[in-house]
Amino acid sequence: CTLDSEVALRVGGDFFFDPQPGDSPVNLVLIAGGVGINPLFSILLHIADLHGYQAGKGNRHKLGTAKLYYSAKNTSELLFKKNILGLMKAFPGKITCCFHVTQQCSQICPELQPHITGK
């Protein structure tokens, strides 16, 4: 977003992302903390499926980017982290993630270091 951009924000309730063929592409910013990642991870998997389908069969879905911000106390509490890293590698620039840890005491593994903010 840039200054004065209009954004839609949703907190709580039912979570889904169901773009239809012909819809204008949207860029998603997903924000999760702890186990709150569950519905957002499903959305990421759906986006990955659509990107993969789009690349393989040229479907009519127009997809923007998806950026996930995901926070937990430490890296061991970041659920699905290896899966999320895999999605980022499979769809570079289309799916990105920034992990934030608030109480990390141990060393962060090299694979996660480029994507970690916080302590």
N, C-alpha and C. Protein backbone atom coordinates (compact mmCIF):
# COMPACT_ATOMS: atom_id res chain seq x y z
N CYS A 1 0.84 -1.19 0.00
CA CYS A 1 0.00 0.00 0.00
C CYS A 1 0.87 1.24 0.00
N THR A 2 0.34 2.27 -0.50
CA THR A 2 1.01 3.56 -0.44
C THR A 2 0.14 4.49 0.40
N LEU A 3 0.68 5.60 0.76
CA LEU A 3 -0.04 6.59 1.54
C LEU A 3 -1.35 6.92 0.84
N ASP A 4 -2.42 6.92 1.60
CA ASP A 4 -3.77 7.21 1.13
C ASP A 4 -4.41 6.07 0.32
N SER A 5 -3.77 4.87 0.32
CA SER A 5 -4.40 3.73 -0.34
C SER A 5 -5.63 3.30 0.45
N GLU A 6 -6.61 2.81 -0.25
CA GLU A 6 -7.80 2.28 0.40
C GLU A 6 -7.61 0.78 0.60
N VAL A 7 -7.86 0.31 1.80
CA VAL A 7 -7.74 -1.12 2.09
C VAL A 7 -9.00 -1.60 2.78
N ALA A 8 -9.28 -2.88 2.63
CA ALA A 8 -10.39 -3.50 3.34
C ALA A 8 -9.79 -4.37 4.43
N LEU A 9 -10.37 -4.34 5.60
CA LEU A 9 -9.85 -5.07 6.74
C LEU A 9 -10.97 -5.89 7.34
N ARG A 10 -10.65 -7.14 7.68
CA ARG A 10 -11.65 -8.00 8.28
C ARG A 10 -11.04 -8.69 9.49
N VAL A 11 -11.74 -8.64 10.60
CA VAL A 11 -11.28 -9.27 11.83
C VAL A 11 -12.40 -10.18 12.33
N GLY A 12 -12.07 -11.43 12.64
CA GLY A 12 -13.04 -12.37 13.18
C GLY A 12 -14.00 -12.87 12.11
N GLY A 13 -14.87 -13.78 12.52
CA GLY A 13 -15.87 -14.29 11.61
C GLY A 13 -15.37 -15.40 10.72
N ASP A 14 -16.07 -15.66 9.64
CA ASP A 14 -15.70 -16.70 8.69
C ASP A 14 -14.63 -16.16 7.75
N PHE A 15 -13.64 -17.00 7.47
CA PHE A 15 -12.55 -16.60 6.59
C PHE A 15 -12.60 -17.41 5.31
N PHE A 16 -12.58 -16.73 4.19
CA PHE A 16 -12.48 -17.42 2.91
C PHE A 16 -11.98 -16.44 1.86
N PHE A 17 -11.42 -16.98 0.82
CA PHE A 17 -10.99 -16.20 -0.33
C PHE A 17 -11.39 -17.01 -1.56
N ASP A 18 -12.33 -16.51 -2.30
CA ASP A 18 -12.88 -17.25 -3.43
C ASP A 18 -12.99 -16.35 -4.66
N PRO A 19 -11.84 -16.03 -5.26
CA PRO A 19 -11.93 -15.19 -6.46
C PRO A 19 -12.58 -15.96 -7.60
N GLN A 20 -13.30 -15.26 -8.40
CA GLN A 20 -13.99 -15.86 -9.54
C GLN A 20 -13.27 -15.48 -10.82
N PRO A 21 -13.32 -16.35 -11.83
CA PRO A 21 -12.72 -15.99 -13.11
C PRO A 21 -13.29 -14.65 -13.59
N GLY A 22 -12.42 -13.81 -14.05
CA GLY A 22 -12.86 -12.51 -14.53
C GLY A 22 -12.82 -11.42 -13.48
N ASP A 23 -12.71 -11.78 -12.18
CA ASP A 23 -12.56 -10.76 -11.14
C ASP A 23 -11.24 -10.03 -11.33
N SER A 24 -11.20 -8.77 -10.94
CA SER A 24 -9.94 -8.03 -10.96
C SER A 24 -9.00 -8.63 -9.92
N PRO A 25 -7.70 -8.65 -10.21
CA PRO A 25 -6.76 -9.20 -9.23
C PRO A 25 -6.70 -8.33 -7.98
N VAL A 26 -6.55 -8.98 -6.84
CA VAL A 26 -6.39 -8.26 -5.58
C VAL A 26 -5.10 -8.72 -4.92
N ASN A 27 -4.47 -7.80 -4.21
CA ASN A 27 -3.30 -8.13 -3.41
C ASN A 27 -3.77 -8.33 -1.98
N LEU A 28 -3.44 -9.48 -1.40
CA LEU A 28 -3.87 -9.79 -0.04
C LEU A 28 -2.75 -9.57 0.95
N VAL A 29 -3.10 -9.02 2.10
CA VAL A 29 -2.20 -8.95 3.25
C VAL A 29 -2.90 -9.73 4.35
N LEU A 30 -2.28 -10.83 4.74
CA LEU A 30 -2.84 -11.71 5.77
C LEU A 30 -2.02 -11.55 7.04
N ILE A 31 -2.69 -11.35 8.18
CA ILE A 31 -2.01 -11.13 9.45
C ILE A 31 -2.50 -12.17 10.44
N ALA A 32 -1.55 -12.93 10.99
CA ALA A 32 -1.92 -14.01 11.91
C ALA A 32 -1.00 -14.01 13.13
N GLY A 33 -1.54 -14.50 14.22
CA GLY A 33 -0.76 -14.71 15.44
C GLY A 33 -1.05 -16.09 15.98
N GLY A 34 0.00 -16.85 16.30
CA GLY A 34 -0.16 -18.16 16.91
C GLY A 34 -1.01 -19.09 16.08
N VAL A 35 -1.98 -19.77 16.74
CA VAL A 35 -2.84 -20.73 16.04
C VAL A 35 -3.83 -20.05 15.10
N GLY A 36 -3.91 -18.73 15.14
CA GLY A 36 -4.78 -18.00 14.21
C GLY A 36 -4.34 -18.16 12.77
N ILE A 37 -3.22 -18.83 12.55
CA ILE A 37 -2.74 -19.07 11.19
C ILE A 37 -3.61 -20.07 10.44
N ASN A 38 -4.34 -20.92 11.14
CA ASN A 38 -5.06 -22.02 10.48
C ASN A 38 -5.93 -21.59 9.30
N PRO A 39 -6.87 -20.68 9.46
CA PRO A 39 -7.68 -20.32 8.28
C PRO A 39 -6.87 -19.59 7.22
N LEU A 40 -5.87 -18.82 7.64
CA LEU A 40 -5.06 -18.08 6.66
C LEU A 40 -4.15 -19.01 5.88
N PHE A 41 -3.67 -20.08 6.53
CA PHE A 41 -2.86 -21.07 5.81
C PHE A 41 -3.70 -21.74 4.73
N SER A 42 -4.95 -22.02 5.03
CA SER A 42 -5.85 -22.59 4.02
C SER A 42 -6.01 -21.64 2.84
N ILE A 43 -6.11 -20.36 3.11
CA ILE A 43 -6.21 -19.36 2.05
C ILE A 43 -4.94 -19.37 1.21
N LEU A 44 -3.76 -19.44 1.87
CA LEU A 44 -2.49 -19.50 1.14
C LEU A 44 -2.43 -20.73 0.23
N LEU A 45 -2.89 -21.88 0.74
CA LEU A 45 -2.90 -23.09 -0.08
C LEU A 45 -3.81 -22.92 -1.29
N HIS A 46 -4.95 -22.29 -1.09
CA HIS A 46 -5.88 -22.04 -2.19
C HIS A 46 -5.24 -21.11 -3.23
N ILE A 47 -4.57 -20.08 -2.77
CA ILE A 47 -3.89 -19.15 -3.68
C ILE A 47 -2.81 -19.90 -4.47
N ALA A 48 -2.04 -20.75 -3.78
CA ALA A 48 -1.00 -21.54 -4.45
C ALA A 48 -1.62 -22.46 -5.50
N ASP A 49 -2.74 -23.09 -5.16
CA ASP A 49 -3.42 -23.95 -6.13
C ASP A 49 -3.83 -23.15 -7.36
N LEU A 50 -4.39 -21.96 -7.14
CA LEU A 50 -4.82 -21.14 -8.27
C LEU A 50 -3.63 -20.67 -9.09
N HIS A 51 -2.52 -20.29 -8.45
CA HIS A 51 -1.32 -19.90 -9.19
C HIS A 51 -0.79 -21.07 -10.00
N GLY A 52 -0.76 -22.25 -9.39
CA GLY A 52 -0.28 -23.43 -10.09
C GLY A 52 -1.18 -23.81 -11.25
N TYR A 53 -2.48 -23.73 -11.03
CA TYR A 53 -3.45 -24.04 -12.07
C TYR A 53 -3.35 -23.01 -13.20
N GLN A 54 -3.17 -21.75 -12.81
CA GLN A 54 -3.07 -20.68 -13.78
C GLN A 54 -1.85 -20.88 -14.67
N ALA A 55 -0.72 -21.24 -14.07
CA ALA A 55 0.51 -21.44 -14.84
C ALA A 55 0.40 -22.66 -15.73
N GLY A 56 -0.23 -23.72 -15.22
CA GLY A 56 -0.30 -24.97 -15.97
C GLY A 56 -1.35 -25.00 -17.05
N LYS A 57 -2.48 -24.36 -16.83
CA LYS A 57 -3.59 -24.50 -17.78
C LYS A 57 -4.14 -23.19 -18.29
N GLY A 58 -3.55 -22.09 -17.86
CA GLY A 58 -3.99 -20.80 -18.34
C GLY A 58 -5.42 -20.48 -17.99
N ASN A 59 -5.82 -20.72 -16.75
CA ASN A 59 -7.21 -20.42 -16.38
C ASN A 59 -7.45 -18.92 -16.39
N ARG A 60 -8.67 -18.54 -16.16
CA ARG A 60 -9.06 -17.14 -16.28
C ARG A 60 -8.95 -16.37 -14.97
N HIS A 61 -8.47 -17.00 -13.90
CA HIS A 61 -8.29 -16.28 -12.63
C HIS A 61 -7.12 -15.31 -12.76
N LYS A 62 -7.35 -14.09 -12.36
CA LYS A 62 -6.29 -13.09 -12.32
C LYS A 62 -5.94 -12.89 -10.87
N LEU A 63 -4.72 -13.26 -10.49
CA LEU A 63 -4.33 -13.22 -9.09
C LEU A 63 -3.29 -12.14 -8.84
N GLY A 64 -3.42 -11.49 -7.72
CA GLY A 64 -2.41 -10.55 -7.28
C GLY A 64 -1.42 -11.29 -6.39
N THR A 65 -0.84 -10.57 -5.46
CA THR A 65 0.13 -11.15 -4.55
C THR A 65 -0.52 -11.43 -3.20
N ALA A 66 0.13 -12.29 -2.43
CA ALA A 66 -0.31 -12.57 -1.06
C ALA A 66 0.89 -12.39 -0.15
N LYS A 67 0.76 -11.55 0.85
CA LYS A 67 1.82 -11.29 1.84
C LYS A 67 1.28 -11.69 3.20
N LEU A 68 1.97 -12.61 3.86
CA LEU A 68 1.58 -13.08 5.17
C LEU A 68 2.50 -12.49 6.22
N TYR A 69 1.92 -11.91 7.25
CA TYR A 69 2.65 -11.48 8.45
C TYR A 69 2.18 -12.41 9.56
N TYR A 70 3.12 -13.13 10.15
CA TYR A 70 2.77 -14.18 11.10
C TYR A 70 3.66 -14.07 12.33
N SER A 71 3.04 -13.93 13.50
CA SER A 71 3.76 -13.71 14.75
C SER A 71 3.50 -14.84 15.74
N ALA A 72 4.55 -15.16 16.51
CA ALA A 72 4.44 -16.13 17.60
C ALA A 72 5.53 -15.81 18.62
N LYS A 73 5.46 -16.48 19.77
CA LYS A 73 6.48 -16.26 20.80
C LYS A 73 7.87 -16.64 20.32
N ASN A 74 7.98 -17.77 19.65
CA ASN A 74 9.27 -18.22 19.15
C ASN A 74 9.04 -19.05 17.89
N THR A 75 10.13 -19.41 17.24
CA THR A 75 10.01 -20.11 15.96
C THR A 75 9.38 -21.49 16.09
N SER A 76 9.51 -22.12 17.26
CA SER A 76 8.90 -23.44 17.42
C SER A 76 7.37 -23.35 17.44
N GLU A 77 6.84 -22.17 17.72
CA GLU A 77 5.38 -21.98 17.73
C GLU A 77 4.83 -21.46 16.40
N LEU A 78 5.68 -21.28 15.42
CA LEU A 78 5.23 -20.88 14.09
C LEU A 78 4.75 -22.13 13.35
N LEU A 79 3.44 -22.34 13.35
CA LEU A 79 2.87 -23.51 12.69
C LEU A 79 3.02 -23.40 11.18
N PHE A 80 3.19 -24.51 10.52
CA PHE A 80 3.27 -24.60 9.06
C PHE A 80 4.43 -23.83 8.45
N LYS A 81 5.45 -23.48 9.24
CA LYS A 81 6.53 -22.64 8.73
C LYS A 81 7.25 -23.27 7.53
N LYS A 82 7.50 -24.57 7.58
CA LYS A 82 8.18 -25.23 6.45
C LYS A 82 7.29 -25.23 5.21
N ASN A 83 6.00 -25.43 5.41
CA ASN A 83 5.06 -25.38 4.28
C ASN A 83 5.00 -23.98 3.67
N ILE A 84 4.99 -22.97 4.53
CA ILE A 84 4.93 -21.59 4.05
C ILE A 84 6.20 -21.25 3.28
N LEU A 85 7.36 -21.67 3.80
CA LEU A 85 8.62 -21.44 3.07
C LEU A 85 8.58 -22.14 1.72
N GLY A 86 8.00 -23.33 1.66
CA GLY A 86 7.86 -24.04 0.40
C GLY A 86 6.99 -23.31 -0.60
N LEU A 87 5.90 -22.72 -0.12
CA LEU A 87 5.03 -21.94 -1.01
C LEU A 87 5.75 -20.71 -1.54
N MET A 88 6.55 -20.09 -0.68
CA MET A 88 7.30 -18.91 -1.12
C MET A 88 8.32 -19.28 -2.20
N LYS A 89 8.96 -20.45 -2.05
CA LYS A 89 9.92 -20.90 -3.06
C LYS A 89 9.22 -21.29 -4.36
N ALA A 90 8.06 -21.90 -4.24
CA ALA A 90 7.33 -22.34 -5.43
C ALA A 90 6.74 -21.18 -6.21
N PHE A 91 6.38 -20.10 -5.52
CA PHE A 91 5.74 -18.95 -6.16
C PHE A 91 6.45 -17.65 -5.75
N PRO A 92 7.71 -17.49 -6.15
CA PRO A 92 8.48 -16.31 -5.73
C PRO A 92 7.83 -15.01 -6.21
N GLY A 93 7.75 -14.07 -5.29
CA GLY A 93 7.16 -12.78 -5.60
C GLY A 93 5.64 -12.77 -5.58
N LYS A 94 5.03 -13.95 -5.62
CA LYS A 94 3.57 -14.03 -5.59
C LYS A 94 3.07 -14.33 -4.17
N ILE A 95 3.82 -15.16 -3.44
CA ILE A 95 3.50 -15.45 -2.05
C ILE A 95 4.74 -15.14 -1.23
N THR A 96 4.61 -14.22 -0.27
CA THR A 96 5.73 -13.85 0.59
C THR A 96 5.26 -13.88 2.05
N CYS A 97 6.24 -13.98 2.94
CA CYS A 97 5.91 -14.06 4.36
C CYS A 97 6.99 -13.38 5.18
N CYS A 98 6.55 -12.74 6.24
CA CYS A 98 7.44 -12.17 7.24
C CYS A 98 7.01 -12.74 8.59
N PHE A 99 7.88 -13.54 9.20
CA PHE A 99 7.61 -14.09 10.52
C PHE A 99 8.11 -13.11 11.57
N HIS A 100 7.39 -12.98 12.65
CA HIS A 100 7.81 -12.11 13.76
C HIS A 100 7.77 -12.93 15.04
N VAL A 101 8.89 -12.96 15.75
CA VAL A 101 8.94 -13.66 17.03
C VAL A 101 9.18 -12.64 18.14
N THR A 102 8.53 -12.87 19.27
CA THR A 102 8.58 -11.88 20.35
C THR A 102 9.44 -12.30 21.53
N GLN A 103 9.65 -13.61 21.71
CA GLN A 103 10.39 -14.07 22.89
C GLN A 103 11.39 -15.17 22.55
N GLN A 104 12.03 -15.08 21.41
CA GLN A 104 12.99 -16.10 21.00
C GLN A 104 14.26 -16.01 21.85
N CYS A 105 14.64 -17.10 22.48
CA CYS A 105 15.85 -17.15 23.29
C CYS A 105 16.96 -17.94 22.61
N SER A 106 16.61 -18.89 21.78
CA SER A 106 17.60 -19.74 21.12
C SER A 106 17.93 -19.20 19.73
N GLN A 107 18.95 -19.79 19.12
CA GLN A 107 19.38 -19.42 17.78
C GLN A 107 18.27 -19.74 16.77
N ILE A 108 18.10 -18.89 15.79
CA ILE A 108 17.11 -19.11 14.74
C ILE A 108 17.79 -19.85 13.60
N CYS A 109 17.14 -20.89 13.09
CA CYS A 109 17.74 -21.70 12.03
C CYS A 109 17.98 -20.84 10.79
N PRO A 110 19.05 -21.14 10.05
CA PRO A 110 19.42 -20.32 8.88
C PRO A 110 18.32 -20.20 7.83
N GLU A 111 17.50 -21.25 7.67
CA GLU A 111 16.44 -21.22 6.68
C GLU A 111 15.41 -20.13 6.97
N LEU A 112 15.16 -19.90 8.28
CA LEU A 112 14.14 -18.91 8.67
C LEU A 112 14.71 -17.50 8.83
N GLN A 113 16.00 -17.38 9.08
CA GLN A 113 16.60 -16.07 9.41
C GLN A 113 16.23 -14.94 8.45
N PRO A 114 16.25 -15.16 7.14
CA PRO A 114 15.92 -14.03 6.25
C PRO A 114 14.48 -13.54 6.38
N HIS A 115 13.63 -14.34 6.98
CA HIS A 115 12.20 -14.02 7.05
C HIS A 115 11.74 -13.64 8.45
N ILE A 116 12.65 -13.54 9.40
CA ILE A 116 12.31 -13.29 10.81
C ILE A 116 12.59 -11.84 11.17
N THR A 117 11.63 -11.25 11.91
CA THR A 117 11.85 -9.95 12.56
C THR A 117 11.59 -10.16 14.03
N GLY A 118 11.96 -9.22 14.83
CA GLY A 118 11.74 -9.33 16.28
C GLY A 118 13.02 -9.80 16.95
N LYS A 119 12.87 -10.34 18.15
CA LYS A 119 14.04 -10.77 18.94
C LYS A 119 14.66 -12.02 18.36
